[in-house]
PDB file of all heavy atoms in Angstrom:
ATOM      1  N   TYR A   1       1.559   3.956  -3.635  1.00  0.00           N
ATOM      2  CA  TYR A   1       2.642   4.911  -3.271  1.00  0.00           C
ATOM      3  C   TYR A   1       2.049   6.300  -3.116  1.00  0.00           C
ATOM      4  O   TYR A   1       0.929   6.567  -3.560  1.00  0.00           O
ATOM      5  CB  TYR A   1       3.687   5.005  -4.402  1.00  0.00           C
ATOM      6  CG  TYR A   1       4.543   3.810  -4.558  1.00  0.00           C
ATOM      7  CD1 TYR A   1       4.100   2.648  -5.115  1.00  0.00           C
ATOM      8  CD2 TYR A   1       5.933   3.856  -4.186  1.00  0.00           C
ATOM      9  CE1 TYR A   1       4.922   1.529  -5.298  1.00  0.00           C
ATOM     10  CE2 TYR A   1       6.757   2.767  -4.386  1.00  0.00           C
ATOM     11  CZ  TYR A   1       6.243   1.556  -4.888  1.00  0.00           C
ATOM     12  OH  TYR A   1       7.092   0.516  -5.107  1.00  0.00           O
ATOM     13  N   ARG A   2       2.780   7.154  -2.372  1.00  0.00           N
ATOM     14  CA  ARG A   2       2.346   8.495  -2.269  1.00  0.00           C
ATOM     15  C   ARG A   2       3.498   9.465  -2.340  1.00  0.00           C
ATOM     16  O   ARG A   2       4.664   9.112  -2.036  1.00  0.00           O
ATOM     17  CB  ARG A   2       1.582   8.733  -0.967  1.00  0.00           C
ATOM     18  CG  ARG A   2       2.399   8.631   0.305  1.00  0.00           C
ATOM     19  CD  ARG A   2       1.498   8.698   1.536  1.00  0.00           C
ATOM     20  NE  ARG A   2       2.284   8.620   2.736  1.00  0.00           N
ATOM     21  CZ  ARG A   2       1.748   8.472   3.989  1.00  0.00           C
ATOM     22  NH1 ARG A   2       0.421   8.430   4.122  1.00  0.00           N
ATOM     23  NH2 ARG A   2       2.558   8.399   5.020  1.00  0.00           N
ATOM     24  N   GLN A   3       3.185  10.690  -2.805  1.00  0.00           N
ATOM     25  CA  GLN A   3       4.192  11.713  -2.923  1.00  0.00           C
ATOM     26  C   GLN A   3       3.581  13.067  -2.500  1.00  0.00           C
ATOM     27  O   GLN A   3       2.624  13.494  -3.119  1.00  0.00           O
ATOM     28  CB  GLN A   3       4.775  11.782  -4.332  1.00  0.00           C
ATOM     29  CG  GLN A   3       5.963  12.764  -4.444  1.00  0.00           C
ATOM     30  CD  GLN A   3       6.619  12.544  -5.808  1.00  0.00           C
ATOM     31  OE1 GLN A   3       5.977  12.184  -6.806  1.00  0.00           O
ATOM     32  NE2 GLN A   3       7.924  12.850  -5.850  1.00  0.00           N
ATOM     33  N   ALA A   4       4.207  13.628  -1.526  1.00  0.00           N
ATOM     34  CA  ALA A   4       3.825  14.986  -1.048  1.00  0.00           C
ATOM     35  C   ALA A   4       4.720  16.006  -1.725  1.00  0.00           C
ATOM     36  O   ALA A   4       5.828  15.657  -2.161  1.00  0.00           O
ATOM     37  CB  ALA A   4       3.861  15.060   0.483  1.00  0.00           C
ATOM     38  N   PRO A   5       4.293  17.261  -1.841  1.00  0.00           N
ATOM     39  CA  PRO A   5       5.090  18.279  -2.446  1.00  0.00           C
ATOM     40  C   PRO A   5       6.458  18.347  -1.782  1.00  0.00           C
ATOM     41  O   PRO A   5       6.555  18.424  -0.529  1.00  0.00           O
ATOM     42  CB  PRO A   5       4.313  19.559  -2.252  1.00  0.00           C
ATOM     43  CG  PRO A   5       2.857  19.134  -2.160  1.00  0.00           C
ATOM     44  CD  PRO A   5       2.959  17.805  -1.457  1.00  0.00           C
ATOM     45  N   GLY A   6       7.502  18.367  -2.574  1.00  0.00           N
ATOM     46  CA  GLY A   6       8.858  18.441  -2.055  1.00  0.00           C
ATOM     47  C   GLY A   6       9.404  17.207  -1.467  1.00  0.00           C
ATOM     48  O   GLY A   6      10.522  17.192  -0.897  1.00  0.00           O
ATOM     49  N   GLN A   7       8.612  16.117  -1.514  1.00  0.00           N
ATOM     50  CA  GLN A   7       9.028  14.849  -0.894  1.00  0.00           C
ATOM     51  C   GLN A   7       9.279  13.763  -1.934  1.00  0.00           C
ATOM     52  O   GLN A   7       8.812  13.872  -3.088  1.00  0.00           O
ATOM     53  CB  GLN A   7       7.959  14.348   0.109  1.00  0.00           C
ATOM     54  CG  GLN A   7       7.616  15.354   1.157  1.00  0.00           C
ATOM     55  CD  GLN A   7       8.741  15.469   2.193  1.00  0.00           C
ATOM     56  OE1 GLN A   7       9.431  14.508   2.536  1.00  0.00           O
ATOM     57  NE2 GLN A   7       8.932  16.720   2.664  1.00  0.00           N
ATOM     58  N   GLN A   8      10.011  12.733  -1.553  1.00  0.00           N
ATOM     59  CA  GLN A   8      10.181  11.591  -2.440  1.00  0.00           C
ATOM     60  C   GLN A   8       8.942  10.725  -2.412  1.00  0.00           C
ATOM     61  O   GLN A   8       8.190  10.733  -1.451  1.00  0.00           O
ATOM     62  CB  GLN A   8      11.392  10.729  -1.987  1.00  0.00           C
ATOM     63  CG  GLN A   8      12.715  11.409  -2.170  1.00  0.00           C
ATOM     64  CD  GLN A   8      13.825  10.451  -1.827  1.00  0.00           C
ATOM     65  OE1 GLN A   8      14.530  10.679  -0.791  1.00  0.00           O
ATOM     66  NE2 GLN A   8      14.035   9.448  -2.645  1.00  0.00           N
ATOM     67  N   ARG A   9       8.731  10.025  -3.511  1.00  0.00           N
ATOM     68  CA  ARG A   9       7.631   9.078  -3.544  1.00  0.00           C
ATOM     69  C   ARG A   9       7.981   7.894  -2.654  1.00  0.00           C
ATOM     70  O   ARG A   9       9.096   7.348  -2.617  1.00  0.00           O
ATOM     71  CB  ARG A   9       7.406   8.588  -4.952  1.00  0.00           C
ATOM     72  CG  ARG A   9       6.176   7.727  -5.158  1.00  0.00           C
ATOM     73  CD  ARG A   9       5.910   7.396  -6.634  1.00  0.00           C
ATOM     74  NE  ARG A   9       5.662   8.609  -7.380  1.00  0.00           N
ATOM     75  CZ  ARG A   9       5.191   8.590  -8.631  1.00  0.00           C
ATOM     76  NH1 ARG A   9       5.009   7.493  -9.291  1.00  0.00           N
ATOM     77  NH2 ARG A   9       5.042   9.805  -9.244  1.00  0.00           N
ATOM     78  N   GLU A  10       6.999   7.508  -1.825  1.00  0.00           N
ATOM     79  CA  GLU A  10       7.227   6.401  -0.897  1.00  0.00           C
ATOM     80  C   GLU A  10       6.187   5.325  -1.037  1.00  0.00           C
ATOM     81  O   GLU A  10       5.021   5.651  -1.351  1.00  0.00           O
ATOM     82  CB  GLU A  10       7.210   6.888   0.559  1.00  0.00           C
ATOM     83  CG  GLU A  10       5.927   7.469   1.055  1.00  0.00           C
ATOM     84  CD  GLU A  10       5.975   7.887   2.552  1.00  0.00           C
ATOM     85  OE1 GLU A  10       6.985   7.528   3.216  1.00  0.00           O
ATOM     86  OE2 GLU A  10       5.024   8.498   2.986  1.00  0.00           O
ATOM     87  N   LEU A  11       6.557   4.124  -0.785  1.00  0.00           N
ATOM     88  CA  LEU A  11       5.636   3.000  -0.756  1.00  0.00           C
ATOM     89  C   LEU A  11       4.805   3.071   0.512  1.00  0.00           C
ATOM     90  O   LEU A  11       5.348   3.059   1.604  1.00  0.00           O
ATOM     91  CB  LEU A  11       6.397   1.664  -0.876  1.00  0.00           C
ATOM     92  CG  LEU A  11       5.553   0.382  -0.854  1.00  0.00           C
ATOM     93  CD1 LEU A  11       4.665   0.319  -2.037  1.00  0.00           C
ATOM     94  CD2 LEU A  11       6.439  -0.825  -0.818  1.00  0.00           C
ATOM     95  N   VAL A  12       3.472   3.083   0.317  1.00  0.00           N
ATOM     96  CA  VAL A  12       2.568   3.063   1.455  1.00  0.00           C
ATOM     97  C   VAL A  12       2.147   1.655   1.838  1.00  0.00           C
ATOM     98  O   VAL A  12       2.166   1.275   2.995  1.00  0.00           O
ATOM     99  CB  VAL A  12       1.331   3.913   1.137  1.00  0.00           C
ATOM    100  CG1 VAL A  12       0.331   3.873   2.246  1.00  0.00           C
ATOM    101  CG2 VAL A  12       1.738   5.362   0.845  1.00  0.00           C
ATOM    102  N   ALA A  13       1.749   0.895   0.814  1.00  0.00           N
ATOM    103  CA  ALA A  13       1.234  -0.465   1.050  1.00  0.00           C
ATOM    104  C   ALA A  13       1.396  -1.294  -0.209  1.00  0.00           C
ATOM    105  O   ALA A  13       1.258  -0.722  -1.299  1.00  0.00           O
ATOM    106  CB  ALA A  13      -0.250  -0.469   1.496  1.00  0.00           C
ATOM    107  N   SER A  14       1.605  -2.542  -0.037  1.00  0.00           N
ATOM    108  CA  SER A  14       1.706  -3.427  -1.211  1.00  0.00           C
ATOM    109  C   SER A  14       0.997  -4.732  -0.907  1.00  0.00           C
ATOM    110  O   SER A  14       0.807  -5.091   0.234  1.00  0.00           O
ATOM    111  CB  SER A  14       3.145  -3.686  -1.622  1.00  0.00           C
ATOM    112  OG  SER A  14       3.857  -4.376  -0.547  1.00  0.00           O
ATOM    113  N   ILE A  15       0.610  -5.388  -2.000  1.00  0.00           N
ATOM    114  CA  ILE A  15      -0.028  -6.696  -1.875  1.00  0.00           C
ATOM    115  C   ILE A  15       0.460  -7.600  -3.038  1.00  0.00           C
ATOM    116  O   ILE A  15       0.456  -7.236  -4.166  1.00  0.00           O
ATOM    117  CB  ILE A  15      -1.578  -6.565  -1.852  1.00  0.00           C
ATOM    118  CG1 ILE A  15      -2.217  -7.940  -1.632  1.00  0.00           C
ATOM    119  CG2 ILE A  15      -2.087  -5.869  -3.115  1.00  0.00           C
ATOM    120  CD1 ILE A  15      -3.691  -7.816  -1.250  1.00  0.00           C
ATOM    121  N   SER A  16       0.920  -8.803  -2.645  1.00  0.00           N
ATOM    122  CA  SER A  16       1.424  -9.730  -3.643  1.00  0.00           C
ATOM    123  C   SER A  16       0.322 -10.430  -4.400  1.00  0.00           C
ATOM    124  O   SER A  16      -0.835 -10.342  -4.052  1.00  0.00           O
ATOM    125  CB  SER A  16       2.344 -10.743  -3.000  1.00  0.00           C
ATOM    126  OG  SER A  16       1.571 -11.675  -2.206  1.00  0.00           O
ATOM    127  N   SER A  17       0.711 -11.136  -5.440  1.00  0.00           N
ATOM    128  CA  SER A  17      -0.246 -11.935  -6.158  1.00  0.00           C
ATOM    129  C   SER A  17      -0.961 -13.015  -5.255  1.00  0.00           C
ATOM    130  O   SER A  17      -2.052 -13.428  -5.546  1.00  0.00           O
ATOM    131  CB  SER A  17       0.386 -12.623  -7.377  1.00  0.00           C
ATOM    132  OG  SER A  17       1.421 -13.463  -6.968  1.00  0.00           O
ATOM    133  N   ALA A  18      -0.246 -13.404  -4.246  1.00  0.00           N
ATOM    134  CA  ALA A  18      -0.809 -14.360  -3.267  1.00  0.00           C
ATOM    135  C   ALA A  18      -1.609 -13.742  -2.170  1.00  0.00           C
ATOM    136  O   ALA A  18      -2.192 -14.442  -1.345  1.00  0.00           O
ATOM    137  CB  ALA A  18       0.311 -15.202  -2.650  1.00  0.00           C
ATOM    138  N   GLY A  19      -1.625 -12.422  -2.116  1.00  0.00           N
ATOM    139  CA  GLY A  19      -2.433 -11.716  -1.096  1.00  0.00           C
ATOM    140  C   GLY A  19      -1.647 -11.295   0.129  1.00  0.00           C
ATOM    141  O   GLY A  19      -2.231 -10.772   1.109  1.00  0.00           O
ATOM    142  N   ASN A  20      -0.332 -11.467   0.117  1.00  0.00           N
ATOM    143  CA  ASN A  20       0.473 -11.032   1.272  1.00  0.00           C
ATOM    144  C   ASN A  20       0.575  -9.493   1.242  1.00  0.00           C
ATOM    145  O   ASN A  20       0.832  -8.898   0.184  1.00  0.00           O
ATOM    146  CB  ASN A  20       1.883 -11.669   1.236  1.00  0.00           C
ATOM    147  CG  ASN A  20       1.803 -13.180   1.178  1.00  0.00           C
ATOM    148  OD1 ASN A  20       2.379 -13.799   0.285  1.00  0.00           O
ATOM    149  ND2 ASN A  20       1.137 -13.751   2.223  1.00  0.00           N
ATOM    150  N   THR A  21       0.525  -8.873   2.382  1.00  0.00           N
ATOM    151  CA  THR A  21       0.500  -7.401   2.459  1.00  0.00           C
ATOM    152  C   THR A  21       1.718  -6.875   3.194  1.00  0.00           C
ATOM    153  O   THR A  21       2.245  -7.597   4.067  1.00  0.00           O
ATOM    154  CB  THR A  21      -0.776  -6.922   3.072  1.00  0.00           C
ATOM    155  OG1 THR A  21      -0.942  -7.446   4.440  1.00  0.00           O
ATOM    156  CG2 THR A  21      -1.971  -7.281   2.263  1.00  0.00           C
ATOM    157  N   ASN A  22       2.070  -5.664   2.883  1.00  0.00           N
ATOM    158  CA  ASN A  22       3.141  -4.970   3.607  1.00  0.00           C
ATOM    159  C   ASN A  22       2.738  -3.477   3.658  1.00  0.00           C
ATOM    160  O   ASN A  22       2.184  -2.946   2.748  1.00  0.00           O
ATOM    161  CB  ASN A  22       4.476  -5.083   2.831  1.00  0.00           C
ATOM    162  CG  ASN A  22       5.632  -4.493   3.511  1.00  0.00           C
ATOM    163  OD1 ASN A  22       6.011  -4.994   4.574  1.00  0.00           O
ATOM    164  ND2 ASN A  22       6.162  -3.426   3.011  1.00  0.00           N
ATOM    165  N   TYR A  23       3.079  -2.892   4.853  1.00  0.00           N
ATOM    166  CA  TYR A  23       2.699  -1.527   5.081  1.00  0.00           C
ATOM    167  C   TYR A  23       3.876  -0.674   5.569  1.00  0.00           C
ATOM    168  O   TYR A  23       4.751  -1.138   6.321  1.00  0.00           O
ATOM    169  CB  TYR A  23       1.593  -1.423   6.136  1.00  0.00           C
ATOM    170  CG  TYR A  23       0.354  -2.101   5.714  1.00  0.00           C
ATOM    171  CD1 TYR A  23       0.064  -3.375   6.078  1.00  0.00           C
ATOM    172  CD2 TYR A  23      -0.636  -1.364   4.973  1.00  0.00           C
ATOM    173  CE1 TYR A  23      -1.104  -4.020   5.695  1.00  0.00           C
ATOM    174  CE2 TYR A  23      -1.828  -2.005   4.630  1.00  0.00           C
ATOM    175  CZ  TYR A  23      -2.046  -3.306   4.958  1.00  0.00           C
ATOM    176  OH  TYR A  23      -3.187  -3.887   4.586  1.00  0.00           O
ATOM    177  N   GLU A  24       3.924   0.579   5.155  1.00  0.00           N
ATOM    178  CA  GLU A  24       4.843   1.567   5.718  1.00  0.00           C
ATOM    179  C   GLU A  24       4.504   1.698   7.182  1.00  0.00           C
ATOM    180  O   GLU A  24       3.292   1.713   7.565  1.00  0.00           O
ATOM    181  CB  GLU A  24       4.789   2.838   4.995  1.00  0.00           C
ATOM    182  CG  GLU A  24       5.965   3.772   5.143  1.00  0.00           C
ATOM    183  CD  GLU A  24       5.871   4.597   6.399  1.00  0.00           C
ATOM    184  OE1 GLU A  24       4.707   5.044   6.731  1.00  0.00           O
ATOM    185  OE2 GLU A  24       6.911   4.872   7.025  1.00  0.00           O
ATOM    186  N   ASN A  25       5.445   1.873   8.057  1.00  0.00           N
ATOM    187  CA  ASN A  25       5.213   1.851   9.479  1.00  0.00           C
ATOM    188  C   ASN A  25       4.203   2.923   9.925  1.00  0.00           C
ATOM    189  O   ASN A  25       3.385   2.662  10.811  1.00  0.00           O
ATOM    190  CB  ASN A  25       6.524   2.071  10.229  1.00  0.00           C
ATOM    191  CG  ASN A  25       7.387   0.821  10.253  1.00  0.00           C
ATOM    192  OD1 ASN A  25       6.853  -0.320  10.099  1.00  0.00           O
ATOM    193  ND2 ASN A  25       8.636   0.921  10.482  1.00  0.00           N
ATOM    194  N   SER A  26       4.271   4.095   9.305  1.00  0.00           N
ATOM    195  CA  SER A  26       3.381   5.136   9.787  1.00  0.00           C
ATOM    196  C   SER A  26       1.928   4.926   9.486  1.00  0.00           C
ATOM    197  O   SER A  26       1.088   5.641  10.065  1.00  0.00           O
ATOM    198  CB  SER A  26       3.816   6.480   9.136  1.00  0.00           C
ATOM    199  OG  SER A  26       3.578   6.539   7.763  1.00  0.00           O
ATOM    200  N   VAL A  27       1.595   3.983   8.642  1.00  0.00           N
ATOM    201  CA  VAL A  27       0.209   3.725   8.291  1.00  0.00           C
ATOM    202  C   VAL A  27      -0.285   2.421   8.800  1.00  0.00           C
ATOM    203  O   VAL A  27      -1.505   2.100   8.677  1.00  0.00           O
ATOM    204  CB  VAL A  27      -0.064   3.805   6.764  1.00  0.00           C
ATOM    205  CG1 VAL A  27       0.485   5.076   6.184  1.00  0.00           C
ATOM    206  CG2 VAL A  27       0.518   2.601   6.031  1.00  0.00           C
ATOM    207  N   LYS A  28       0.545   1.625   9.452  1.00  0.00           N
ATOM    208  CA  LYS A  28       0.154   0.377  10.018  1.00  0.00           C
ATOM    209  C   LYS A  28      -0.957   0.579  11.026  1.00  0.00           C
ATOM    210  O   LYS A  28      -0.896   1.456  11.891  1.00  0.00           O
ATOM    211  CB  LYS A  28       1.353  -0.364  10.676  1.00  0.00           C
ATOM    212  CG  LYS A  28       2.272  -1.008   9.705  1.00  0.00           C
ATOM    213  CD  LYS A  28       3.376  -1.746  10.451  1.00  0.00           C
ATOM    214  CE  LYS A  28       4.305  -2.484   9.468  1.00  0.00           C
ATOM    215  NZ  LYS A  28       5.393  -3.164  10.108  1.00  0.00           N
ATOM    216  N   GLY A  29      -2.016  -0.261  10.946  1.00  0.00           N
ATOM    217  CA  GLY A  29      -3.121  -0.128  11.854  1.00  0.00           C
ATOM    218  C   GLY A  29      -4.160   0.833  11.382  1.00  0.00           C
ATOM    219  O   GLY A  29      -5.249   0.906  11.940  1.00  0.00           O
ATOM    220  N   ARG A  30      -3.827   1.709  10.391  1.00  0.00           N
ATOM    221  CA  ARG A  30      -4.801   2.685   9.937  1.00  0.00           C
ATOM    222  C   ARG A  30      -5.211   2.430   8.472  1.00  0.00           C
ATOM    223  O   ARG A  30      -6.356   2.734   8.136  1.00  0.00           O
ATOM    224  CB  ARG A  30      -4.147   4.110   9.964  1.00  0.00           C
ATOM    225  CG  ARG A  30      -3.765   4.531  11.385  1.00  0.00           C
ATOM    226  CD  ARG A  30      -3.367   5.996  11.427  1.00  0.00           C
ATOM    227  NE  ARG A  30      -2.234   6.286  10.604  1.00  0.00           N
ATOM    228  CZ  ARG A  30      -2.198   7.133   9.557  1.00  0.00           C
ATOM    229  NH1 ARG A  30      -3.276   7.818   9.205  1.00  0.00           N
ATOM    230  NH2 ARG A  30      -1.062   7.366   8.874  1.00  0.00           N
ATOM    231  N   PHE A  31      -4.319   1.904   7.637  1.00  0.00           N
ATOM    232  CA  PHE A  31      -4.576   1.685   6.247  1.00  0.00           C
ATOM    233  C   PHE A  31      -4.666   0.155   5.986  1.00  0.00           C
ATOM    234  O   PHE A  31      -3.973  -0.646   6.577  1.00  0.00           O
ATOM    235  CB  PHE A  31      -3.523   2.230   5.324  1.00  0.00           C
ATOM    236  CG  PHE A  31      -3.427   3.713   5.269  1.00  0.00           C
ATOM    237  CD1 PHE A  31      -4.153   4.546   6.125  1.00  0.00           C
ATOM    238  CD2 PHE A  31      -2.592   4.339   4.354  1.00  0.00           C
ATOM    239  CE1 PHE A  31      -4.039   5.935   6.074  1.00  0.00           C
ATOM    240  CE2 PHE A  31      -2.493   5.662   4.225  1.00  0.00           C
ATOM    241  CZ  PHE A  31      -3.230   6.497   5.136  1.00  0.00           C
ATOM    242  N   THR A  32      -5.512  -0.235   5.046  1.00  0.00           N
ATOM    243  CA  THR A  32      -5.662  -1.617   4.642  1.00  0.00           C
ATOM    244  C   THR A  32      -5.669  -1.729   3.097  1.00  0.00           C
ATOM    245  O   THR A  32      -6.494  -1.055   2.453  1.00  0.00           O
ATOM    246  CB  THR A  32      -6.944  -2.271   5.168  1.00  0.00           C
ATOM    247  OG1 THR A  32      -6.965  -2.133   6.613  1.00  0.00           O
ATOM    248  CG2 THR A  32      -6.992  -3.734   4.856  1.00  0.00           C
ATOM    249  N   ILE A  33      -4.781  -2.505   2.558  1.00  0.00           N
ATOM    250  CA  ILE A  33      -4.763  -2.742   1.132  1.00  0.00           C
ATOM    251  C   ILE A  33      -5.448  -4.094   0.842  1.00  0.00           C
ATOM    252  O   ILE A  33      -5.269  -5.006   1.639  1.00  0.00           O
ATOM    253  CB  ILE A  33      -3.315  -2.718   0.572  1.00  0.00           C
ATOM    254  CG1 ILE A  33      -3.302  -2.745  -0.965  1.00  0.00           C
ATOM    255  CG2 ILE A  33      -2.464  -3.840   1.126  1.00  0.00           C
ATOM    256  CD1 ILE A  33      -1.964  -2.523  -1.614  1.00  0.00           C
ATOM    257  N   SER A  34      -6.158  -4.125  -0.244  1.00  0.00           N
ATOM    258  CA  SER A  34      -6.862  -5.352  -0.612  1.00  0.00           C
ATOM    259  C   SER A  34      -6.910  -5.437  -2.122  1.00  0.00           C
ATOM    260  O   SER A  34      -6.731  -4.416  -2.803  1.00  0.00           O
ATOM    261  CB  SER A  34      -8.234  -5.461   0.032  1.00  0.00           C
ATOM    262  OG  SER A  34      -9.069  -4.396  -0.420  1.00  0.00           O
ATOM    263  N   ARG A  35      -7.227  -6.623  -2.651  1.00  0.00           N
ATOM    264  CA  ARG A  35      -7.354  -6.796  -4.053  1.00  0.00           C
ATOM    265  C   ARG A  35      -8.528  -7.623  -4.369  1.00  0.00           C
ATOM    266  O   ARG A  35      -8.903  -8.548  -3.630  1.00  0.00           O
ATOM    267  CB  ARG A  35      -6.080  -7.347  -4.699  1.00  0.00           C
ATOM    268  CG  ARG A  35      -5.701  -8.789  -4.352  1.00  0.00           C
ATOM    269  CD  ARG A  35      -4.284  -9.165  -4.817  1.00  0.00           C
ATOM    270  NE  ARG A  35      -4.214  -9.053  -6.276  1.00  0.00           N
ATOM    271  CZ  ARG A  35      -3.078  -8.851  -6.966  1.00  0.00           C
ATOM    272  NH1 ARG A  35      -1.914  -8.724  -6.283  1.00  0.00           N
ATOM    273  NH2 ARG A  35      -3.100  -8.814  -8.297  1.00  0.00           N
ATOM    274  N   ASP A  36      -9.207  -7.336  -5.466  1.00  0.00           N
ATOM    275  CA  ASP A  36     -10.323  -8.109  -5.982  1.00  0.00           C
ATOM    276  C   ASP A  36      -9.971  -8.493  -7.385  1.00  0.00           C
ATOM    277  O   ASP A  36     -10.078  -7.729  -8.338  1.00  0.00           O
ATOM    278  CB  ASP A  36     -11.621  -7.270  -5.957  1.00  0.00           C
ATOM    279  CG  ASP A  36     -12.864  -8.041  -6.334  1.00  0.00           C
ATOM    280  OD1 ASP A  36     -12.742  -9.139  -6.989  1.00  0.00           O
ATOM    281  OD2 ASP A  36     -13.913  -7.647  -5.997  1.00  0.00           O
ATOM    282  N   ASN A  37      -9.493  -9.760  -7.536  1.00  0.00           N
ATOM    283  CA  ASN A  37      -8.992 -10.146  -8.860  1.00  0.00           C
ATOM    284  C   ASN A  37     -10.102 -10.286  -9.847  1.00  0.00           C
ATOM    285  O   ASN A  37      -9.874 -10.097 -11.083  1.00  0.00           O
ATOM    286  CB  ASN A  37      -8.263 -11.526  -8.738  1.00  0.00           C
ATOM    287  CG  ASN A  37      -6.899 -11.378  -8.066  1.00  0.00           C
ATOM    288  OD1 ASN A  37      -6.358 -10.286  -7.949  1.00  0.00           O
ATOM    289  ND2 ASN A  37      -6.380 -12.478  -7.622  1.00  0.00           N
ATOM    290  N   ALA A  38     -11.324 -10.543  -9.432  1.00  0.00           N
ATOM    291  CA  ALA A  38     -12.486 -10.639 -10.353  1.00  0.00           C
ATOM    292  C   ALA A  38     -12.759  -9.286 -10.983  1.00  0.00           C
ATOM    293  O   ALA A  38     -13.368  -9.220 -12.092  1.00  0.00           O
ATOM    294  CB  ALA A  38     -13.668 -11.147  -9.627  1.00  0.00           C
ATOM    295  N   LYS A  39     -12.439  -8.178 -10.286  1.00  0.00           N
ATOM    296  CA  LYS A  39     -12.714  -6.830 -10.771  1.00  0.00           C
ATOM    297  C   LYS A  39     -11.449  -6.133 -11.273  1.00  0.00           C
ATOM    298  O   LYS A  39     -11.498  -4.998 -11.698  1.00  0.00           O
ATOM    299  CB  LYS A  39     -13.329  -5.995  -9.692  1.00  0.00           C
ATOM    300  CG  LYS A  39     -14.694  -6.464  -9.299  1.00  0.00           C
ATOM    301  CD  LYS A  39     -15.314  -5.525  -8.254  1.00  0.00           C
ATOM    302  CE  LYS A  39     -16.749  -5.923  -7.887  1.00  0.00           C
ATOM    303  NZ  LYS A  39     -17.284  -4.964  -6.858  1.00  0.00           N
ATOM    304  N   ASN A  40     -10.289  -6.844 -11.223  1.00  0.00           N
ATOM    305  CA  ASN A  40      -9.029  -6.215 -11.604  1.00  0.00           C
ATOM    306  C   ASN A  40      -8.803  -4.908 -10.911  1.00  0.00           C
ATOM    307  O   ASN A  40      -8.370  -3.923 -11.467  1.00  0.00           O
ATOM    308  CB  ASN A  40      -8.928  -6.010 -13.113  1.00  0.00           C
ATOM    309  CG  ASN A  40      -8.783  -7.315 -13.891  1.00  0.00           C
ATOM    310  OD1 ASN A  40      -8.677  -8.399 -13.334  1.00  0.00           O
ATOM    311  ND2 ASN A  40      -8.659  -7.186 -15.206  1.00  0.00           N
TER     312      ASN A  40
END
């Protein structure tokens, strides 16, 4: 999530336990979320 001064906190990207990802429209194609379960 991210929060700019004077703004609401917004979800930027998420990843499920199965590895499915979701992105806020403004960051699609620019941001990539990933997880490494071995490293928590």
